[in-house]
Structure formats: structure tokens, C-alpha cells
Amino acid sequence: MSENGDWRLFRGDRTARRVDFPQAPPWRRFPPGAGAEAGHPRERAYLIGRAESDVVNAALHLRRPLLVTGHPGTGKSSLAHAIAHELMLGSVLKWPVNSRSVLKDALYGYDAIGRLRETHLRRERGGPEPDIGTFVRLGPLGTALVPRERPRVLLVDELDKGDVDLPNDLLTVFEEGEFEIPELARLPEEQSEVRVMTHDPDDAQVPVVRGRIRCGEFPVVVITSNAERDFPPAFLRRCVRLDLPDPDEERLRGILAAHLGEEALDGVEDLLQTFLNRRAPGELATDQLLNAVFLRMGGVDLDAEGLLEAVLHRLGGTV
């Protein structure tokens, strides 16, 4: 908030002015965790019940993918970050699925055109041919399957947005824990080992022998779904399923305190009850409550015309 107590940065009066932006909410700071204690905000503020944590542990012991369903804002994606943080498994490898996603893109990419251009340029200059490994980059799933002593966490986010055949395409990789890069498998014997780029900046290059990658420890795979469509039985059989319920009032208070501190619970009872009253018919997300409380803590008058409605708007149905 500005020195004169006005929280408005933009006034809509067409007058240009330089303003100082206030600190962003903890979950909207980039890079994640900037200006806060170490760790991703979703790692530090995630809360889960005993029953849900038991299901997670079952998936960890069985080395099976964890299929997490639930309404928006229940913490499906955050669960992957919480697991990686608590078990010290490094940063999460993320594969956000959309309607154009295919398995190959998650495994690796090969820039054939770039290699052809570079080869042509080097031949013109009389230099050696470029290393094919510089044109191969492992995707998030391919990087997760690189052999290691300790597994990595892979987040396959919103699988139900992908093509209907995508879950079945994943079955072989999940069952075998390996895949082949044909472009490297066809190389002559003297080029049997090639170093390729990965999806992880902390682990920039890894060796690939005869074009095949086989995991040492199966990665911790967290697959999220909004339950927008059904998955094939063969796919479901290979997953451990976890349905995250909408947080109740007690858990909502814990989430507010974890994200914004205990002081966030002071003077927000009306917002909490408004959220709970609207959630059942309107399917609000928890981060909408966080947004409202953050603004209230900053001195914003949420009773202003239309403001609370804009923050706690319905996610489904007509607007």
C-alpha cells in the first residue's frame, strides 16, 4: 500500500505515474520462494491428512505412479513438490499435459534440422562434424528415467487434458522403466556412448549407451487429474489412486497460516465463512480464499463494489 494509504496502483485516469509495486504474495514470487525462506512455497505450506499420506507411502513402496484427483485448488500439483521437499529428492520435473502432448516429447527431442545445418556449416569450414548429443535433449519423463541412486519426482500435470490414447502410451514406459532413442541406437559401435542434454539444469548432461535409457530407481510419478474423463482400466490398474477432498474449515485455517502466517487468521472470519458458503454450489478454489485474505491483510477494502465477487468468482457454470 502507498504512503497515503491508497492501495490502487492503476487508476484508469490516463495519467502516467511511476509507482512502487508492493511485495507479491508468497505463491506468486519468481523464482519460487524469492524473498522467503528456502524452499518452494508449495513445499512449505502443503498440508495433508494421515489417510492421504498413507496412500502416498503405498505408492512409494510399490514404485507405482500416484494418480491424484480432486477439484481445482485441493493441492494436487503441490503434493509433488511436498514429496520432493520432504524426501530431499531435488527439484520436481514437470510435464504439463495439453491436447497436443505426445509421449515422445516427454521422453526426448531431436533437432534434426539444427544438426543438418551445423554439419553443413562445419563441412564448408573444413571442421569436424558436430556431436549428435548436442542436438538431443531429454524431456521431463526421459530425465526422470535416467539411472540414479535416488529417484526423482516427476509431475504429470492434468493428464486428462491429453489425447485419449496418451495414458495407454505411457503403460510400456511405466512398466519397463526404460525407453530407446532410435537416432542414437543406430550410431556405429565407436559412438556407442553419447552425452545428451537433460530437462534438469542441475544435471545438464548424462551419458546414453546404445541409445537406451533404463532407470535404476523408478521415479516418484505424481499424475494429476481433474476427473474430466475416465482413464483405461489397464492404466488405472498400474496406478495407486488418491482422491484429495476439498479442505474443511480447520484445514483451510491451517493453509492460511502456513502461507501467510498466524496473523492471517485475525479478522478474516467473514471471508472464511463467505468462502465456505459459496464453495458448495460454485466450486471455488482454495487459492481464491488466499487471494482474498492477502488483499485484506494489505488493507484493501473488499467490500468495494464488485471486488469480492471478482476474487471469489465461480469456476464452473455461468458467470
Protein backbone atom coordinates (compact mmCIF):
# COMPACT_ATOMS: atom_id res chain seq x y z
CA MET A 1 0.00 0.00 0.00
CA SER A 2 1.23 3.50 -0.82
CA GLU A 3 2.21 6.09 1.80
CA ASN A 4 -1.15 7.88 1.51
CA GLY A 5 -2.99 4.64 2.31
CA ASP A 6 -4.30 4.08 -1.22
CA TRP A 7 -3.76 0.53 -2.47
CA ARG A 8 -4.60 1.40 -6.10
CA LEU A 9 -1.65 1.21 -8.48
CA PHE A 10 -3.75 1.64 -11.62
CA ARG A 11 -6.41 4.36 -11.52
CA GLY A 12 -7.78 4.38 -15.04
CA ASP A 13 -7.45 8.16 -15.39
CA ARG A 14 -4.89 8.04 -18.27
CA THR A 15 -2.36 9.90 -16.12
CA ALA A 16 1.15 8.40 -16.29
CA ARG A 17 2.87 7.97 -12.94
CA ARG A 18 5.70 5.84 -11.62
CA VAL A 19 4.60 3.60 -8.74
CA ASP A 20 6.41 1.23 -6.40
CA PHE A 21 4.95 -2.26 -6.60
CA PRO A 22 4.22 -3.89 -3.23
CA GLN A 23 5.58 -7.30 -2.34
CA ALA A 24 3.82 -10.12 -4.16
CA PRO A 25 2.02 -12.97 -2.39
CA PRO A 26 4.43 -15.78 -1.41
CA TRP A 27 2.96 -18.10 -4.03
CA ARG A 28 3.42 -15.52 -6.83
CA ARG A 29 7.09 -14.68 -6.32
CA PHE A 30 9.53 -15.60 -9.05
CA PRO A 31 11.72 -17.53 -8.83
CA PRO A 32 9.59 -19.57 -6.42
CA GLY A 33 10.49 -18.80 -2.84
CA ALA A 34 12.18 -15.48 -3.67
CA GLY A 35 12.25 -13.23 -0.63
CA ALA A 36 11.27 -16.07 1.68
CA GLU A 37 12.98 -18.91 3.46
CA ALA A 38 14.48 -21.65 1.32
CA GLY A 39 12.12 -23.94 -0.50
CA HIS A 40 9.19 -23.63 -2.87
CA PRO A 41 6.09 -22.04 -1.25
CA ARG A 42 4.04 -25.08 -2.18
CA GLU A 43 6.54 -27.30 -0.41
CA ARG A 44 6.49 -25.35 2.81
CA ALA A 45 2.75 -24.66 3.00
CA TYR A 46 1.37 -28.06 1.97
CA LEU A 47 -0.85 -29.83 4.49
CA ILE A 48 -2.10 -33.39 4.14
CA GLY A 49 -4.02 -35.77 6.40
CA ARG A 50 -2.85 -39.13 7.73
CA ALA A 51 -5.11 -41.11 5.39
CA GLU A 52 -3.82 -39.29 2.30
CA SER A 53 -0.18 -39.63 3.38
CA ASP A 54 -0.69 -43.40 3.79
CA VAL A 55 -1.78 -43.64 0.16
CA VAL A 56 1.32 -41.69 -0.90
CA ASN A 57 3.50 -44.08 1.09
CA ALA A 58 1.84 -47.07 -0.56
CA ALA A 59 2.75 -45.69 -4.00
CA LEU A 60 6.33 -45.06 -2.85
CA HIS A 61 6.74 -48.63 -1.57
CA LEU A 62 5.12 -50.18 -4.63
CA ARG A 63 7.06 -47.98 -7.07
CA ARG A 64 3.78 -47.18 -8.80
CA PRO A 65 2.55 -43.87 -10.24
CA LEU A 66 0.29 -41.92 -7.90
CA LEU A 67 -2.89 -40.77 -9.69
CA VAL A 68 -4.20 -37.75 -7.77
CA THR A 69 -7.72 -36.45 -8.42
CA GLY A 70 -9.67 -33.63 -6.87
CA HIS A 71 -11.28 -30.27 -7.51
CA PRO A 72 -9.11 -27.29 -8.57
CA GLY A 73 -7.23 -25.84 -5.61
CA THR A 74 -7.13 -29.01 -3.49
CA GLY A 75 -3.34 -29.23 -3.79
CA LYS A 76 -2.84 -31.94 -6.41
CA SER A 77 0.21 -30.40 -8.06
CA SER A 78 1.59 -29.15 -4.75
CA LEU A 79 1.73 -32.72 -3.49
CA ALA A 80 4.58 -33.49 -5.88
CA HIS A 81 6.59 -30.54 -4.54
CA ALA A 82 5.86 -31.58 -0.96
CA ILE A 83 7.12 -35.13 -1.60
CA ALA A 84 10.30 -33.89 -3.28
CA HIS A 85 10.97 -31.44 -0.45
CA GLU A 86 10.30 -33.81 2.43
CA LEU A 87 12.28 -36.72 0.94
CA MET A 88 15.08 -34.45 -0.38
CA LEU A 89 14.72 -35.67 -3.96
CA GLY A 90 15.69 -32.45 -5.70
CA SER A 91 13.54 -30.18 -7.82
CA VAL A 92 10.37 -31.53 -9.41
CA LEU A 93 10.47 -32.45 -13.10
CA LYS A 94 7.24 -31.14 -14.62
CA TRP A 95 5.31 -32.28 -17.68
CA PRO A 96 2.23 -30.06 -18.16
CA VAL A 97 -0.06 -32.04 -20.46
CA ASN A 98 -2.23 -30.41 -23.12
CA SER A 99 -4.21 -31.58 -26.14
CA ARG A 100 -1.07 -31.69 -28.32
CA SER A 101 1.11 -33.62 -25.86
CA VAL A 102 2.63 -36.88 -27.11
CA LEU A 103 4.78 -39.43 -25.30
CA LYS A 104 7.87 -38.80 -27.44
CA ASP A 105 8.04 -35.14 -26.40
CA ALA A 106 8.09 -36.17 -22.75
CA LEU A 107 10.88 -38.68 -23.44
CA TYR A 108 13.24 -36.73 -25.69
CA GLY A 109 13.54 -34.28 -28.55
CA TYR A 110 15.90 -34.45 -31.52
CA ASP A 111 16.74 -31.34 -33.53
CA ALA A 112 17.47 -32.98 -36.89
CA ILE A 113 17.28 -29.72 -38.83
CA GLY A 114 19.68 -27.99 -36.47
CA ARG A 115 22.15 -30.85 -36.77
CA LEU A 116 21.91 -30.79 -40.59
CA ARG A 117 22.60 -27.05 -40.71
CA GLU A 118 25.53 -27.29 -38.28
CA THR A 119 27.01 -30.23 -40.22
CA HIS A 120 26.76 -28.27 -43.48
CA LEU A 121 28.45 -25.21 -41.96
CA ARG A 122 31.31 -27.22 -40.48
CA ARG A 123 31.94 -29.05 -43.75
CA GLU A 124 32.18 -25.72 -45.55
CA ARG A 125 34.78 -24.62 -42.99
CA GLY A 126 36.64 -27.92 -43.05
CA GLY A 127 35.83 -28.71 -39.41
CA PRO A 128 34.69 -31.94 -37.74
CA GLU A 129 31.04 -32.95 -37.71
CA PRO A 130 29.11 -31.83 -34.63
CA ASP A 131 28.40 -34.24 -31.80
CA ILE A 132 24.87 -35.61 -32.19
CA GLY A 133 24.41 -35.40 -28.41
CA THR A 134 24.21 -31.61 -28.57
CA PHE A 135 21.02 -31.97 -30.63
CA VAL A 136 19.28 -34.44 -28.30
CA ARG A 137 17.50 -33.21 -25.20
CA LEU A 138 15.67 -35.45 -22.76
CA GLY A 139 12.16 -34.41 -21.80
CA PRO A 140 10.84 -34.45 -18.22
CA LEU A 141 9.88 -38.14 -18.34
CA GLY A 142 13.13 -39.10 -20.06
CA THR A 143 15.13 -37.17 -17.47
CA ALA A 144 13.21 -38.87 -14.64
CA LEU A 145 14.23 -42.28 -16.04
CA VAL A 146 17.96 -41.53 -16.09
CA PRO A 147 19.61 -44.12 -13.79
CA ARG A 148 20.36 -42.70 -10.32
CA GLU A 149 20.82 -43.98 -6.79
CA ARG A 150 17.81 -41.95 -5.62
CA PRO A 151 14.66 -41.37 -7.65
CA ARG A 152 13.46 -38.04 -8.99
CA VAL A 153 9.93 -36.72 -8.68
CA LEU A 154 8.01 -36.33 -11.94
CA LEU A 155 4.78 -34.32 -12.05
CA VAL A 156 2.49 -35.24 -14.96
CA ASP A 157 0.05 -32.37 -14.62
CA GLU A 158 -3.58 -32.67 -15.79
CA LEU A 159 -3.31 -35.89 -17.80
CA ASP A 160 -7.00 -35.74 -18.68
CA LYS A 161 -6.26 -32.76 -20.95
CA GLY A 162 -4.18 -35.01 -23.23
CA ASP A 163 -5.19 -37.22 -26.12
CA VAL A 164 -7.38 -40.19 -25.26
CA ASP A 165 -4.55 -42.60 -26.22
CA LEU A 166 -1.87 -40.92 -24.09
CA PRO A 167 -2.49 -42.96 -20.90
CA ASN A 168 -2.10 -46.21 -22.86
CA ASP A 169 1.06 -44.87 -24.50
CA LEU A 170 2.56 -44.42 -21.03
CA LEU A 171 1.94 -48.02 -19.96
CA THR A 172 5.04 -49.62 -21.51
CA VAL A 173 7.38 -46.94 -20.17
CA PHE A 174 5.88 -47.19 -16.69
CA GLU A 175 6.07 -50.98 -16.72
CA GLU A 176 9.56 -51.35 -18.19
CA GLY A 177 11.18 -48.21 -16.76
CA GLU A 178 13.15 -47.71 -19.96
CA PHE A 179 12.95 -46.36 -23.49
CA GLU A 180 15.08 -46.12 -26.62
CA ILE A 181 16.28 -43.14 -28.63
CA PRO A 182 16.39 -44.56 -32.18
CA GLU A 183 18.62 -41.77 -33.50
CA LEU A 184 21.33 -42.85 -31.05
CA ALA A 185 20.69 -46.60 -31.26
CA ARG A 186 21.57 -46.51 -35.00
CA LEU A 187 25.02 -44.99 -34.44
CA PRO A 188 28.12 -47.11 -35.19
CA GLU A 189 29.89 -49.01 -32.39
CA GLU A 190 32.58 -46.38 -31.89
CA GLN A 191 29.82 -43.92 -30.98
CA SER A 192 28.03 -46.26 -28.59
CA GLU A 193 28.14 -43.72 -25.73
CA VAL A 194 26.77 -40.23 -26.30
CA ARG A 195 26.26 -37.44 -23.79
CA VAL A 196 22.90 -35.70 -24.17
CA MET A 197 21.20 -32.70 -22.61
CA THR A 198 18.52 -33.19 -19.95
CA HIS A 199 15.41 -31.36 -18.79
CA ASP A 200 17.13 -30.58 -15.49
CA PRO A 201 19.53 -27.61 -15.37
CA ASP A 202 21.14 -29.10 -12.25
CA ASP A 203 22.05 -32.25 -14.18
CA ALA A 204 22.90 -30.74 -17.56
CA GLN A 205 24.30 -33.77 -19.42
CA VAL A 206 24.13 -37.54 -18.97
CA PRO A 207 25.69 -40.43 -20.92
CA VAL A 208 23.44 -42.67 -23.04
CA VAL A 209 24.78 -46.07 -24.15
CA ARG A 210 23.47 -47.62 -27.36
CA GLY A 211 20.56 -45.22 -27.35
CA ARG A 212 18.84 -46.80 -24.35
CA ILE A 213 17.92 -45.24 -21.01
CA ARG A 214 16.92 -47.55 -18.16
CA CYS A 215 16.13 -46.25 -14.69
CA GLY A 216 17.96 -47.51 -11.60
CA GLU A 217 15.17 -46.45 -9.23
CA PHE A 218 11.70 -45.92 -10.65
CA PRO A 219 10.87 -42.21 -10.33
CA VAL A 220 8.20 -40.91 -7.98
CA VAL A 221 5.48 -40.18 -10.53
CA VAL A 222 2.60 -37.94 -9.47
CA ILE A 223 -0.16 -37.72 -12.09
CA THR A 224 -2.89 -35.15 -11.54
CA SER A 225 -6.40 -35.24 -12.96
CA ASN A 226 -9.47 -33.06 -12.61
CA ALA A 227 -11.61 -36.16 -13.25
CA GLU A 228 -12.85 -34.67 -16.51
CA ARG A 229 -12.84 -38.09 -18.18
CA ASP A 230 -12.22 -41.75 -17.39
CA PHE A 231 -8.89 -43.49 -17.94
CA PRO A 232 -8.47 -47.00 -19.40
CA PRO A 233 -8.67 -49.86 -16.84
CA ALA A 234 -5.20 -51.08 -17.83
CA PHE A 235 -3.78 -47.68 -16.93
CA LEU A 236 -5.72 -47.42 -13.67
CA ARG A 237 -4.54 -50.88 -12.65
CA ARG A 238 -0.95 -49.69 -12.69
CA CYS A 239 -1.60 -46.61 -10.56
CA VAL A 240 -2.27 -46.02 -6.88
CA ARG A 241 -5.24 -43.67 -6.68
CA LEU A 242 -5.62 -40.75 -4.28
CA ASP A 243 -8.69 -38.51 -4.24
CA LEU A 244 -7.99 -35.26 -2.40
CA PRO A 245 -11.11 -33.89 -0.69
CA ASP A 246 -11.94 -30.21 -0.52
CA PRO A 247 -10.26 -28.83 2.62
CA ASP A 248 -12.61 -28.37 5.56
CA GLU A 249 -12.68 -25.27 7.76
CA GLU A 250 -9.90 -26.47 10.06
CA ARG A 251 -7.59 -27.31 7.19
CA LEU A 252 -8.35 -24.00 5.48
CA ARG A 253 -7.20 -22.21 8.61
CA GLY A 254 -4.01 -24.25 8.57
CA ILE A 255 -3.42 -23.40 4.90
CA LEU A 256 -3.89 -19.68 5.59
CA ALA A 257 -1.45 -19.80 8.50
CA ALA A 258 1.10 -21.81 6.52
CA HIS A 259 1.05 -19.42 3.56
CA LEU A 260 0.55 -16.08 5.26
CA GLY A 261 1.42 -16.62 8.93
CA GLU A 262 -0.74 -16.91 12.02
CA GLU A 263 -1.67 -13.24 11.73
CA ALA A 264 -3.66 -14.16 8.62
CA LEU A 265 -6.32 -15.70 10.88
CA ASP A 266 -7.09 -12.38 12.57
CA GLY A 267 -10.13 -10.57 11.23
CA VAL A 268 -10.88 -12.91 8.32
CA GLU A 269 -13.73 -14.95 9.80
CA ASP A 270 -16.23 -13.27 7.46
CA LEU A 271 -14.11 -14.14 4.40
CA LEU A 272 -13.71 -17.73 5.55
CA GLN A 273 -17.45 -18.18 6.08
CA THR A 274 -18.27 -16.47 2.77
CA PHE A 275 -15.87 -18.83 1.02
CA LEU A 276 -17.37 -21.90 2.70
CA ASN A 277 -20.91 -20.80 1.90
CA ARG A 278 -20.15 -20.20 -1.76
CA ARG A 279 -17.89 -23.20 -2.34
CA ALA A 280 -20.52 -25.93 -2.44
CA PRO A 281 -22.58 -24.54 -5.33
CA GLY A 282 -19.78 -22.64 -7.02
CA GLU A 283 -16.73 -24.91 -6.61
CA LEU A 284 -14.30 -22.23 -5.51
CA ALA A 285 -10.58 -23.00 -5.25
CA THR A 286 -8.54 -22.61 -2.08
CA ASP A 287 -6.16 -20.13 -3.68
CA GLN A 288 -9.11 -17.77 -4.19
CA LEU A 289 -9.50 -17.60 -0.42
CA LEU A 290 -5.76 -16.98 -0.11
CA ASN A 291 -6.07 -14.12 -2.60
CA ALA A 292 -8.91 -12.53 -0.67
CA VAL A 293 -7.13 -12.81 2.69
CA PHE A 294 -3.87 -11.46 1.24
CA LEU A 295 -5.69 -8.38 -0.06
CA ARG A 296 -7.48 -7.91 3.28
CA MET A 297 -4.13 -8.11 5.11
CA GLY A 298 -2.82 -5.39 2.78
CA GLY A 299 -5.58 -3.05 3.82
CA VAL A 300 -7.75 -3.50 0.73
CA ASP A 301 -11.47 -2.88 1.24
CA LEU A 302 -13.03 -6.00 -0.23
CA ASP A 303 -16.49 -4.54 0.29
CA ALA A 304 -15.85 -2.19 -2.61
CA GLU A 305 -18.33 -2.69 -5.42
CA GLY A 306 -17.69 -5.94 -7.28
CA LEU A 307 -14.24 -6.58 -5.79
CA LEU A 308 -15.05 -9.57 -3.60
CA GLU A 309 -17.13 -11.05 -6.43
CA ALA A 310 -14.15 -10.72 -8.75
CA VAL A 311 -11.83 -12.52 -6.33
CA LEU A 312 -14.26 -15.25 -5.26
CA HIS A 313 -15.79 -15.84 -8.68
CA ARG A 314 -17.26 -19.20 -9.59
CA LEU A 315 -15.05 -21.61 -11.52
CA GLY A 316 -17.86 -23.52 -13.18
CA GLY A 317 -21.19 -22.78 -14.79
CA THR A 318 -22.28 -19.37 -16.00
CA VAL A 319 -20.55 -16.23 -14.81
